[in-house]
N, C-alpha and C. Protein backbone atom coordinates (compact mmCIF):
# COMPACT_ATOMS: atom_id res chain seq x y z
N MET A 1 -49.15 -9.86 -15.59
CA MET A 1 -48.99 -10.18 -16.99
C MET A 1 -47.52 -10.57 -17.24
N VAL A 2 -47.35 -11.53 -18.12
CA VAL A 2 -46.01 -12.01 -18.45
C VAL A 2 -45.60 -11.44 -19.80
N GLU A 3 -44.41 -10.89 -19.83
CA GLU A 3 -43.86 -10.42 -21.11
C GLU A 3 -43.24 -11.61 -21.81
N PRO A 4 -43.26 -11.84 -23.07
CA PRO A 4 -43.90 -10.99 -24.06
C PRO A 4 -45.29 -11.47 -24.44
N CYS A 5 -45.81 -12.55 -23.82
CA CYS A 5 -47.07 -13.13 -24.31
C CYS A 5 -48.32 -12.42 -23.80
N GLY A 6 -48.23 -11.67 -22.72
CA GLY A 6 -49.39 -10.94 -22.22
C GLY A 6 -50.35 -11.77 -21.38
N GLU A 7 -50.06 -13.05 -21.18
CA GLU A 7 -50.92 -13.90 -20.35
C GLU A 7 -50.64 -13.63 -18.87
N HIS A 8 -51.56 -14.08 -18.03
CA HIS A 8 -51.38 -13.93 -16.58
C HIS A 8 -50.29 -14.89 -16.10
N ALA A 9 -49.50 -14.41 -15.13
CA ALA A 9 -48.43 -15.25 -14.56
C ALA A 9 -49.04 -16.43 -13.82
N ALA A 10 -48.50 -17.60 -14.06
CA ALA A 10 -48.97 -18.81 -13.39
C ALA A 10 -47.92 -19.33 -12.42
N ALA A 11 -46.64 -19.08 -12.73
CA ALA A 11 -45.56 -19.63 -11.91
C ALA A 11 -44.35 -18.72 -11.99
N GLU A 12 -43.49 -18.85 -11.00
CA GLU A 12 -42.24 -18.09 -10.99
C GLU A 12 -41.09 -19.06 -10.79
N VAL A 13 -40.09 -18.98 -11.67
CA VAL A 13 -38.91 -19.83 -11.60
C VAL A 13 -37.69 -18.92 -11.69
N ASP A 14 -36.82 -19.02 -10.71
CA ASP A 14 -35.60 -18.20 -10.68
C ASP A 14 -35.92 -16.73 -10.90
N THR A 15 -36.91 -16.22 -10.20
CA THR A 15 -37.38 -14.83 -10.25
C THR A 15 -37.95 -14.41 -11.61
N ARG A 16 -38.23 -15.36 -12.49
CA ARG A 16 -38.85 -15.08 -13.78
C ARG A 16 -40.28 -15.61 -13.75
N SER A 17 -41.22 -14.78 -14.18
CA SER A 17 -42.63 -15.18 -14.21
C SER A 17 -42.95 -15.82 -15.55
N PHE A 18 -43.81 -16.86 -15.47
CA PHE A 18 -44.22 -17.59 -16.66
C PHE A 18 -45.72 -17.80 -16.65
N CYS A 19 -46.33 -17.71 -17.83
CA CYS A 19 -47.70 -18.18 -17.98
C CYS A 19 -47.61 -19.71 -17.99
N LEU A 20 -48.74 -20.38 -17.94
CA LEU A 20 -48.73 -21.84 -17.90
C LEU A 20 -48.03 -22.43 -19.12
N ASP A 21 -48.35 -21.93 -20.31
CA ASP A 21 -47.74 -22.48 -21.52
C ASP A 21 -46.23 -22.33 -21.52
N HIS A 22 -45.74 -21.17 -21.12
CA HIS A 22 -44.29 -20.96 -21.11
C HIS A 22 -43.62 -21.67 -19.94
N PHE A 23 -44.34 -21.86 -18.86
CA PHE A 23 -43.80 -22.65 -17.75
C PHE A 23 -43.54 -24.08 -18.23
N LEU A 24 -44.52 -24.62 -18.98
CA LEU A 24 -44.39 -26.00 -19.47
C LEU A 24 -43.48 -26.12 -20.68
N SER A 25 -43.19 -25.03 -21.35
CA SER A 25 -42.30 -25.14 -22.51
C SER A 25 -40.93 -24.55 -22.17
N VAL A 26 -40.83 -23.26 -22.04
CA VAL A 26 -39.54 -22.60 -21.87
C VAL A 26 -38.81 -23.05 -20.61
N SER A 27 -39.45 -22.92 -19.44
CA SER A 27 -38.73 -23.26 -18.20
C SER A 27 -38.46 -24.76 -18.12
N PHE A 28 -39.37 -25.57 -18.63
CA PHE A 28 -39.18 -27.02 -18.61
C PHE A 28 -38.05 -27.41 -19.56
N GLN A 29 -37.99 -26.80 -20.73
CA GLN A 29 -36.88 -27.07 -21.67
C GLN A 29 -35.55 -26.65 -21.08
N GLU A 30 -35.54 -25.56 -20.33
CA GLU A 30 -34.30 -25.14 -19.66
C GLU A 30 -33.85 -26.20 -18.65
N LEU A 31 -34.80 -26.76 -17.89
CA LEU A 31 -34.47 -27.83 -16.94
C LEU A 31 -33.88 -29.03 -17.66
N GLN A 32 -34.54 -29.43 -18.74
CA GLN A 32 -34.07 -30.59 -19.49
C GLN A 32 -32.68 -30.36 -20.07
N SER A 33 -32.44 -29.17 -20.58
CA SER A 33 -31.13 -28.85 -21.15
C SER A 33 -30.05 -28.86 -20.06
N ARG A 34 -30.35 -28.31 -18.92
CA ARG A 34 -29.40 -28.31 -17.80
C ARG A 34 -29.11 -29.73 -17.33
N HIS A 35 -30.14 -30.55 -17.30
CA HIS A 35 -29.99 -31.96 -16.91
C HIS A 35 -29.04 -32.68 -17.86
N GLU A 36 -29.23 -32.49 -19.16
CA GLU A 36 -28.36 -33.13 -20.15
C GLU A 36 -26.92 -32.66 -20.02
N ARG A 37 -26.71 -31.37 -19.79
CA ARG A 37 -25.34 -30.86 -19.62
C ARG A 37 -24.69 -31.49 -18.40
N LEU A 38 -25.40 -31.58 -17.28
CA LEU A 38 -24.84 -32.17 -16.06
C LEU A 38 -24.55 -33.64 -16.23
N ARG A 39 -25.42 -34.36 -16.92
CA ARG A 39 -25.20 -35.80 -17.13
C ARG A 39 -23.99 -36.06 -18.01
N GLY A 40 -23.64 -35.11 -18.87
CA GLY A 40 -22.51 -35.28 -19.77
C GLY A 40 -21.17 -34.89 -19.15
N GLN A 41 -21.19 -34.41 -17.90
CA GLN A 41 -19.98 -33.96 -17.23
C GLN A 41 -19.57 -34.94 -16.13
N GLU A 42 -18.33 -34.75 -15.67
CA GLU A 42 -17.87 -35.47 -14.49
C GLU A 42 -18.74 -35.04 -13.32
N CYS A 43 -18.97 -35.93 -12.38
CA CYS A 43 -19.83 -35.63 -11.23
C CYS A 43 -19.30 -34.43 -10.45
N ASP A 44 -20.14 -33.42 -10.27
CA ASP A 44 -19.82 -32.24 -9.48
C ASP A 44 -20.90 -32.14 -8.40
N PRO A 45 -20.57 -32.57 -7.16
CA PRO A 45 -21.59 -32.59 -6.12
C PRO A 45 -22.29 -31.25 -5.90
N ALA A 46 -21.58 -30.13 -5.99
CA ALA A 46 -22.20 -28.82 -5.79
C ALA A 46 -23.19 -28.50 -6.91
N ALA A 47 -22.79 -28.77 -8.15
CA ALA A 47 -23.69 -28.52 -9.29
C ALA A 47 -24.90 -29.44 -9.23
N THR A 48 -24.68 -30.68 -8.83
CA THR A 48 -25.79 -31.63 -8.71
C THR A 48 -26.77 -31.17 -7.64
N ALA A 49 -26.25 -30.73 -6.49
CA ALA A 49 -27.12 -30.26 -5.40
C ALA A 49 -27.91 -29.03 -5.85
N ALA A 50 -27.26 -28.10 -6.55
CA ALA A 50 -27.95 -26.91 -7.03
C ALA A 50 -29.04 -27.28 -8.03
N PHE A 51 -28.74 -28.23 -8.91
CA PHE A 51 -29.74 -28.65 -9.89
C PHE A 51 -30.92 -29.32 -9.19
N LYS A 52 -30.64 -30.16 -8.20
CA LYS A 52 -31.74 -30.82 -7.48
C LYS A 52 -32.61 -29.80 -6.75
N GLU A 53 -32.01 -28.73 -6.25
CA GLU A 53 -32.81 -27.65 -5.63
C GLU A 53 -33.70 -26.99 -6.67
N SER A 54 -33.16 -26.77 -7.88
CA SER A 54 -33.96 -26.19 -8.96
C SER A 54 -35.11 -27.12 -9.34
N LEU A 55 -34.83 -28.42 -9.42
CA LEU A 55 -35.89 -29.39 -9.72
C LEU A 55 -36.98 -29.33 -8.66
N ALA A 56 -36.59 -29.27 -7.40
CA ALA A 56 -37.57 -29.24 -6.31
C ALA A 56 -38.41 -27.97 -6.37
N ALA A 57 -37.78 -26.83 -6.64
CA ALA A 57 -38.53 -25.57 -6.74
C ALA A 57 -39.50 -25.62 -7.92
N TRP A 58 -39.04 -26.15 -9.06
CA TRP A 58 -39.90 -26.27 -10.22
C TRP A 58 -41.07 -27.19 -9.91
N ALA A 59 -40.79 -28.31 -9.24
CA ALA A 59 -41.84 -29.27 -8.90
C ALA A 59 -42.88 -28.65 -7.96
N ARG A 60 -42.43 -27.84 -7.00
CA ARG A 60 -43.39 -27.17 -6.10
C ARG A 60 -44.33 -26.27 -6.90
N GLN A 61 -43.78 -25.55 -7.87
CA GLN A 61 -44.61 -24.69 -8.72
C GLN A 61 -45.61 -25.53 -9.52
N ALA A 62 -45.13 -26.61 -10.10
CA ALA A 62 -45.99 -27.48 -10.92
C ALA A 62 -47.09 -28.11 -10.06
N GLU A 63 -46.75 -28.56 -8.86
CA GLU A 63 -47.75 -29.16 -7.97
C GLU A 63 -48.82 -28.14 -7.59
N ALA A 64 -48.42 -26.90 -7.36
CA ALA A 64 -49.39 -25.85 -7.04
C ALA A 64 -50.31 -25.60 -8.24
N LEU A 65 -49.76 -25.65 -9.45
CA LEU A 65 -50.57 -25.45 -10.65
C LEU A 65 -51.57 -26.59 -10.85
N VAL A 66 -51.18 -27.80 -10.52
CA VAL A 66 -52.10 -28.94 -10.64
C VAL A 66 -53.32 -28.72 -9.74
N GLU A 67 -53.11 -28.12 -8.59
CA GLU A 67 -54.20 -27.88 -7.64
C GLU A 67 -54.97 -26.58 -7.92
N ASP A 68 -54.45 -25.72 -8.77
CA ASP A 68 -55.04 -24.41 -9.05
C ASP A 68 -56.27 -24.58 -9.95
N ALA A 69 -57.41 -24.08 -9.52
CA ALA A 69 -58.66 -24.21 -10.27
C ALA A 69 -58.61 -23.51 -11.63
N ARG A 70 -57.74 -22.50 -11.77
CA ARG A 70 -57.63 -21.79 -13.06
C ARG A 70 -57.12 -22.72 -14.16
N PHE A 71 -56.44 -23.78 -13.77
CA PHE A 71 -55.84 -24.70 -14.75
C PHE A 71 -56.45 -26.08 -14.60
N ALA A 72 -57.76 -26.12 -14.48
CA ALA A 72 -58.46 -27.38 -14.18
C ALA A 72 -58.66 -28.28 -15.40
N ASP A 73 -58.39 -27.77 -16.60
CA ASP A 73 -58.65 -28.62 -17.76
C ASP A 73 -57.70 -29.82 -17.76
N GLN A 74 -58.18 -30.92 -18.26
CA GLN A 74 -57.45 -32.19 -18.21
C GLN A 74 -56.14 -32.14 -18.98
N GLN A 75 -56.10 -31.44 -20.08
CA GLN A 75 -54.88 -31.38 -20.87
C GLN A 75 -53.75 -30.69 -20.09
N SER A 76 -54.08 -29.57 -19.44
CA SER A 76 -53.07 -28.86 -18.64
C SER A 76 -52.57 -29.74 -17.50
N LYS A 77 -53.51 -30.38 -16.81
CA LYS A 77 -53.11 -31.26 -15.70
C LYS A 77 -52.27 -32.43 -16.19
N ALA A 78 -52.63 -32.98 -17.35
CA ALA A 78 -51.86 -34.10 -17.89
C ALA A 78 -50.44 -33.67 -18.22
N HIS A 79 -50.28 -32.49 -18.82
CA HIS A 79 -48.94 -31.99 -19.14
C HIS A 79 -48.14 -31.73 -17.87
N LEU A 80 -48.78 -31.15 -16.87
CA LEU A 80 -48.08 -30.89 -15.61
C LEU A 80 -47.65 -32.19 -14.93
N LEU A 81 -48.54 -33.17 -14.91
CA LEU A 81 -48.21 -34.45 -14.27
C LEU A 81 -47.11 -35.19 -15.03
N GLU A 82 -47.14 -35.11 -16.34
CA GLU A 82 -46.08 -35.72 -17.16
C GLU A 82 -44.74 -35.05 -16.86
N ALA A 83 -44.74 -33.73 -16.76
CA ALA A 83 -43.51 -33.00 -16.44
C ALA A 83 -43.03 -33.34 -15.03
N LEU A 84 -43.94 -33.48 -14.09
CA LEU A 84 -43.56 -33.85 -12.72
C LEU A 84 -42.94 -35.24 -12.67
N LEU A 85 -43.44 -36.15 -13.47
CA LEU A 85 -42.84 -37.49 -13.54
C LEU A 85 -41.41 -37.40 -14.05
N TRP A 86 -41.20 -36.60 -15.10
CA TRP A 86 -39.84 -36.42 -15.62
C TRP A 86 -38.92 -35.82 -14.56
N VAL A 87 -39.40 -34.81 -13.84
CA VAL A 87 -38.61 -34.16 -12.79
C VAL A 87 -38.21 -35.18 -11.73
N SER A 88 -39.14 -36.02 -11.34
CA SER A 88 -38.84 -37.06 -10.34
C SER A 88 -37.75 -38.00 -10.84
N GLN A 89 -37.87 -38.45 -12.07
CA GLN A 89 -36.88 -39.37 -12.63
C GLN A 89 -35.54 -38.68 -12.84
N ALA A 90 -35.55 -37.43 -13.25
CA ALA A 90 -34.30 -36.69 -13.46
C ALA A 90 -33.55 -36.53 -12.14
N GLY A 91 -34.27 -36.24 -11.08
CA GLY A 91 -33.62 -36.10 -9.77
C GLY A 91 -32.97 -37.39 -9.32
N LYS A 92 -33.61 -38.51 -9.59
CA LYS A 92 -33.07 -39.80 -9.18
C LYS A 92 -31.86 -40.21 -10.03
N SER A 93 -31.79 -39.70 -11.26
CA SER A 93 -30.71 -40.12 -12.15
C SER A 93 -29.41 -39.37 -11.92
N MET A 94 -29.43 -38.33 -11.10
CA MET A 94 -28.22 -37.53 -10.87
C MET A 94 -27.36 -38.18 -9.79
N ARG A 95 -26.11 -38.33 -10.07
CA ARG A 95 -25.16 -38.92 -9.13
C ARG A 95 -24.86 -37.96 -8.00
N ARG A 96 -24.82 -38.51 -6.78
CA ARG A 96 -24.47 -37.70 -5.61
C ARG A 96 -22.97 -37.64 -5.40
N SER A 97 -22.25 -38.61 -5.94
CA SER A 97 -20.80 -38.65 -5.79
C SER A 97 -20.20 -39.35 -7.00
N PRO A 98 -18.92 -39.08 -7.28
CA PRO A 98 -18.30 -39.69 -8.47
C PRO A 98 -18.13 -41.19 -8.31
N ARG A 99 -18.09 -41.89 -9.45
CA ARG A 99 -17.81 -43.33 -9.49
C ARG A 99 -16.33 -43.54 -9.73
N LEU A 100 -15.81 -44.57 -9.10
CA LEU A 100 -14.43 -44.99 -9.33
C LEU A 100 -14.45 -46.43 -9.82
N ALA A 101 -13.67 -46.71 -10.84
CA ALA A 101 -13.53 -48.09 -11.31
C ALA A 101 -12.46 -48.75 -10.44
N THR A 102 -12.88 -49.61 -9.54
CA THR A 102 -11.93 -50.27 -8.64
C THR A 102 -12.52 -51.59 -8.15
N ALA A 103 -11.66 -52.51 -7.82
CA ALA A 103 -12.10 -53.83 -7.35
C ALA A 103 -11.84 -53.96 -5.85
N VAL A 104 -12.91 -54.17 -5.11
CA VAL A 104 -12.84 -54.45 -3.69
C VAL A 104 -13.54 -55.79 -3.49
N LEU A 105 -12.86 -56.73 -2.85
CA LEU A 105 -13.48 -58.04 -2.61
C LEU A 105 -14.59 -57.92 -1.58
N VAL A 106 -15.73 -58.54 -1.90
CA VAL A 106 -16.92 -58.42 -1.07
C VAL A 106 -17.62 -59.77 -0.98
N TRP A 107 -18.19 -60.03 0.18
CA TRP A 107 -19.09 -61.16 0.36
C TRP A 107 -20.49 -60.57 0.25
N LEU A 108 -21.27 -61.06 -0.71
CA LEU A 108 -22.60 -60.55 -1.01
C LEU A 108 -23.63 -61.59 -0.59
N ARG A 109 -24.65 -61.16 0.17
CA ARG A 109 -25.65 -62.09 0.68
C ARG A 109 -27.05 -61.52 0.46
N ARG A 110 -27.95 -62.37 -0.01
CA ARG A 110 -29.37 -62.04 -0.18
C ARG A 110 -30.16 -62.95 0.71
N GLU A 111 -30.91 -62.37 1.63
CA GLU A 111 -31.77 -63.15 2.52
C GLU A 111 -33.21 -62.90 2.12
N ASP A 112 -33.90 -63.98 1.79
CA ASP A 112 -35.26 -63.88 1.28
C ASP A 112 -36.01 -65.11 1.76
N SER A 113 -37.28 -64.97 2.02
CA SER A 113 -38.07 -66.12 2.47
C SER A 113 -38.14 -67.21 1.41
N ARG A 114 -38.02 -66.82 0.13
CA ARG A 114 -38.07 -67.78 -0.97
C ARG A 114 -36.69 -68.32 -1.33
N ARG A 115 -35.70 -67.46 -1.25
CA ARG A 115 -34.38 -67.85 -1.73
C ARG A 115 -33.31 -67.04 -1.00
N THR A 116 -32.42 -67.73 -0.34
CA THR A 116 -31.27 -67.09 0.29
C THR A 116 -30.02 -67.58 -0.42
N TRP A 117 -29.12 -66.67 -0.73
CA TRP A 117 -27.87 -67.05 -1.37
C TRP A 117 -26.76 -66.14 -0.89
N GLU A 118 -25.55 -66.57 -1.14
CA GLU A 118 -24.39 -65.75 -0.84
C GLU A 118 -23.28 -66.10 -1.83
N GLU A 119 -22.41 -65.14 -2.05
CA GLU A 119 -21.31 -65.38 -2.98
C GLU A 119 -20.18 -64.40 -2.69
N ASP A 120 -18.99 -64.82 -3.05
CA ASP A 120 -17.83 -63.93 -3.05
C ASP A 120 -17.80 -63.24 -4.40
N THR A 121 -17.60 -61.93 -4.40
CA THR A 121 -17.55 -61.17 -5.64
C THR A 121 -16.63 -59.98 -5.44
N TRP A 122 -16.66 -59.05 -6.35
CA TRP A 122 -15.84 -57.85 -6.27
C TRP A 122 -16.59 -56.69 -6.90
N THR A 123 -16.22 -55.50 -6.50
CA THR A 123 -16.83 -54.31 -7.10
C THR A 123 -16.21 -54.08 -8.47
N SER A 124 -17.00 -53.56 -9.38
CA SER A 124 -16.45 -53.09 -10.65
C SER A 124 -16.34 -51.57 -10.59
N THR A 125 -17.29 -50.93 -9.89
CA THR A 125 -17.26 -49.49 -9.64
C THR A 125 -17.75 -49.27 -8.22
N LEU A 126 -17.35 -48.15 -7.65
CA LEU A 126 -17.92 -47.77 -6.36
C LEU A 126 -17.98 -46.27 -6.26
N SER A 127 -18.87 -45.83 -5.40
CA SER A 127 -19.01 -44.42 -5.09
C SER A 127 -19.31 -44.33 -3.60
N ARG A 128 -19.36 -43.14 -3.10
CA ARG A 128 -19.62 -42.96 -1.66
C ARG A 128 -20.94 -43.62 -1.25
N HIS A 129 -21.91 -43.65 -2.17
CA HIS A 129 -23.26 -44.09 -1.83
C HIS A 129 -23.64 -45.45 -2.36
N GLY A 130 -22.73 -46.14 -3.07
CA GLY A 130 -23.10 -47.43 -3.63
C GLY A 130 -21.96 -48.09 -4.36
N ALA A 131 -22.32 -49.08 -5.20
CA ALA A 131 -21.30 -49.81 -5.95
C ALA A 131 -21.97 -50.62 -7.06
N GLY A 132 -21.13 -51.06 -8.00
CA GLY A 132 -21.54 -52.00 -9.04
C GLY A 132 -20.77 -53.29 -8.84
N PHE A 133 -21.42 -54.43 -9.09
CA PHE A 133 -20.83 -55.74 -8.86
C PHE A 133 -21.11 -56.68 -10.01
N VAL A 134 -20.29 -57.69 -10.13
CA VAL A 134 -20.61 -58.87 -10.90
C VAL A 134 -21.33 -59.79 -9.91
N CYS A 135 -22.44 -60.39 -10.33
CA CYS A 135 -23.24 -61.24 -9.43
C CYS A 135 -23.72 -62.47 -10.19
N ARG A 136 -23.49 -63.64 -9.64
CA ARG A 136 -23.89 -64.88 -10.31
C ARG A 136 -25.37 -65.22 -10.09
N HIS A 137 -26.00 -64.64 -9.10
CA HIS A 137 -27.38 -64.99 -8.75
C HIS A 137 -28.37 -63.96 -9.29
N PRO A 138 -29.55 -64.44 -9.69
CA PRO A 138 -30.59 -63.48 -10.09
C PRO A 138 -31.05 -62.68 -8.87
N VAL A 139 -31.21 -61.41 -9.05
CA VAL A 139 -31.70 -60.54 -7.97
C VAL A 139 -32.51 -59.42 -8.62
N GLU A 140 -33.64 -59.10 -8.03
CA GLU A 140 -34.53 -58.12 -8.62
C GLU A 140 -34.23 -56.71 -8.09
N THR A 141 -34.55 -55.74 -8.91
CA THR A 141 -34.43 -54.34 -8.50
C THR A 141 -35.32 -54.12 -7.28
N GLY A 142 -34.79 -53.41 -6.30
CA GLY A 142 -35.53 -53.13 -5.07
C GLY A 142 -35.20 -54.10 -3.95
N ALA A 143 -34.57 -55.23 -4.27
CA ALA A 143 -34.21 -56.21 -3.24
C ALA A 143 -33.13 -55.64 -2.33
N THR A 144 -33.07 -56.16 -1.12
CA THR A 144 -32.04 -55.77 -0.17
C THR A 144 -30.99 -56.86 -0.10
N VAL A 145 -29.73 -56.45 -0.14
CA VAL A 145 -28.61 -57.37 0.00
C VAL A 145 -27.72 -56.85 1.13
N VAL A 146 -26.88 -57.75 1.64
CA VAL A 146 -25.92 -57.37 2.67
C VAL A 146 -24.53 -57.52 2.08
N LEU A 147 -23.71 -56.49 2.26
CA LEU A 147 -22.33 -56.49 1.78
C LEU A 147 -21.40 -56.62 2.98
N THR A 148 -20.39 -57.46 2.85
CA THR A 148 -19.34 -57.54 3.86
C THR A 148 -18.01 -57.41 3.14
N ARG A 149 -17.23 -56.42 3.55
CA ARG A 149 -15.91 -56.23 2.94
C ARG A 149 -14.98 -57.34 3.40
N LYS A 150 -14.30 -57.98 2.45
CA LYS A 150 -13.37 -59.06 2.77
C LYS A 150 -12.08 -58.50 3.39
N ASP A 151 -11.71 -57.27 3.03
CA ASP A 151 -10.46 -56.70 3.52
C ASP A 151 -10.58 -56.12 4.93
N LYS A 152 -11.72 -55.51 5.28
CA LYS A 152 -11.85 -54.83 6.57
C LYS A 152 -12.99 -55.37 7.43
N GLY A 153 -13.80 -56.25 6.86
CA GLY A 153 -14.87 -56.86 7.63
C GLY A 153 -16.08 -55.99 7.86
N GLY A 154 -16.10 -54.75 7.33
CA GLY A 154 -17.26 -53.90 7.50
C GLY A 154 -18.48 -54.50 6.83
N ARG A 155 -19.65 -54.17 7.37
CA ARG A 155 -20.91 -54.75 6.89
C ARG A 155 -21.92 -53.63 6.67
N ALA A 156 -22.70 -53.74 5.56
CA ALA A 156 -23.71 -52.72 5.26
C ALA A 156 -24.85 -53.34 4.46
N ALA A 157 -26.03 -52.81 4.69
CA ALA A 157 -27.20 -53.20 3.89
C ALA A 157 -27.26 -52.29 2.67
N ALA A 158 -27.76 -52.84 1.56
CA ALA A 158 -27.86 -52.07 0.32
C ALA A 158 -29.10 -52.49 -0.45
N ARG A 159 -29.63 -51.56 -1.23
CA ARG A 159 -30.80 -51.81 -2.07
C ARG A 159 -30.32 -51.94 -3.52
N VAL A 160 -30.80 -52.94 -4.22
CA VAL A 160 -30.44 -53.15 -5.62
C VAL A 160 -31.19 -52.12 -6.47
N VAL A 161 -30.43 -51.32 -7.24
CA VAL A 161 -31.04 -50.29 -8.09
C VAL A 161 -31.07 -50.71 -9.55
N TYR A 162 -30.24 -51.67 -9.93
CA TYR A 162 -30.35 -52.26 -11.27
C TYR A 162 -29.74 -53.65 -11.25
N SER A 163 -30.22 -54.49 -12.16
CA SER A 163 -29.72 -55.85 -12.36
C SER A 163 -29.88 -56.15 -13.84
N ARG A 164 -28.75 -56.32 -14.54
CA ARG A 164 -28.80 -56.55 -15.98
C ARG A 164 -27.59 -57.37 -16.42
N MET A 165 -27.70 -57.95 -17.59
CA MET A 165 -26.62 -58.74 -18.15
C MET A 165 -25.71 -57.82 -18.98
N ASP A 166 -24.39 -58.03 -18.87
CA ASP A 166 -23.47 -57.24 -19.68
C ASP A 166 -23.20 -57.95 -21.01
N SER A 167 -22.36 -57.36 -21.84
CA SER A 167 -22.10 -57.91 -23.18
C SER A 167 -21.39 -59.26 -23.12
N GLU A 168 -20.77 -59.59 -21.99
CA GLU A 168 -20.08 -60.87 -21.84
C GLU A 168 -20.96 -61.93 -21.17
N GLY A 169 -22.24 -61.60 -20.95
CA GLY A 169 -23.17 -62.55 -20.36
C GLY A 169 -23.12 -62.64 -18.85
N ARG A 170 -22.43 -61.71 -18.20
CA ARG A 170 -22.38 -61.69 -16.73
C ARG A 170 -23.45 -60.74 -16.19
N ARG A 171 -24.03 -61.11 -15.06
CA ARG A 171 -25.01 -60.24 -14.41
C ARG A 171 -24.25 -59.13 -13.69
N GLN A 172 -24.66 -57.90 -13.96
CA GLN A 172 -24.12 -56.74 -13.26
C GLN A 172 -25.24 -56.18 -12.41
N ILE A 173 -24.94 -55.91 -11.15
CA ILE A 173 -25.94 -55.26 -10.30
C ILE A 173 -25.34 -53.97 -9.74
N GLY A 174 -26.20 -53.03 -9.51
CA GLY A 174 -25.82 -51.78 -8.86
C GLY A 174 -26.60 -51.66 -7.58
N VAL A 175 -25.92 -51.25 -6.52
CA VAL A 175 -26.59 -51.12 -5.23
C VAL A 175 -26.37 -49.72 -4.66
N GLU A 176 -27.34 -49.32 -3.83
CA GLU A 176 -27.28 -48.07 -3.09
C GLU A 176 -27.22 -48.43 -1.62
N LEU A 177 -26.21 -47.93 -0.91
CA LEU A 177 -26.09 -48.22 0.52
C LEU A 177 -27.27 -47.62 1.27
N ILE A 178 -27.83 -48.39 2.19
CA ILE A 178 -29.01 -47.95 2.93
C ILE A 178 -28.63 -47.31 4.26
N ASP A 179 -27.73 -47.95 4.99
CA ASP A 179 -27.53 -47.54 6.37
C ASP A 179 -26.20 -46.88 6.68
N ARG A 180 -25.37 -46.63 5.68
CA ARG A 180 -24.11 -45.94 5.94
C ARG A 180 -23.54 -45.37 4.66
N ASP A 181 -22.78 -44.29 4.79
CA ASP A 181 -22.14 -43.72 3.60
C ASP A 181 -20.62 -43.65 3.77
N ASP A 182 -20.08 -44.34 4.77
CA ASP A 182 -18.64 -44.39 4.96
C ASP A 182 -18.08 -45.79 4.74
N PHE A 183 -18.86 -46.64 4.08
CA PHE A 183 -18.50 -48.04 3.93
C PHE A 183 -17.21 -48.25 3.14
N TRP A 184 -17.00 -47.42 2.12
CA TRP A 184 -15.83 -47.60 1.26
C TRP A 184 -14.62 -46.77 1.70
N ASP A 185 -14.74 -46.06 2.80
CA ASP A 185 -13.67 -45.17 3.31
C ASP A 185 -13.41 -44.04 2.35
């Protein structure tokens, strides 16, 4: 039994037992609040890692509840699946390393069976795991590009995580390095 509601325990989070309703309200609201606090702060890799561990533990509990016959009604499953979707997106939105506003000259290349292009550009921001660029060519989210540093000649593959126009009408793209995390030194 869970205090103070008297319902049977459905999940345990951080050594606290929750009935299904309180798992989906109280513990989920705590996750959301913690996420907002972390997003509003400077990147702290240790805090981010701890939060991602909490998200994973919460998700394991939610996944077990989805499979639990005691909670077979569609409304409960729908709420759990909706919460799991949020947890997945929240985990992806957390930065693994801080961003720096700096310009590094880069040769950017997109190889595609339909369209191959290349251009000289520069970073607007970079982090250990990726960078932001000004890009003259259209490129879709999920596409793979190749980066070559003009200063050191290093080469790395990257996945485009966003592509959008800025207020000055320039295309900004963000990439995540695929095959190395020491590209920017």
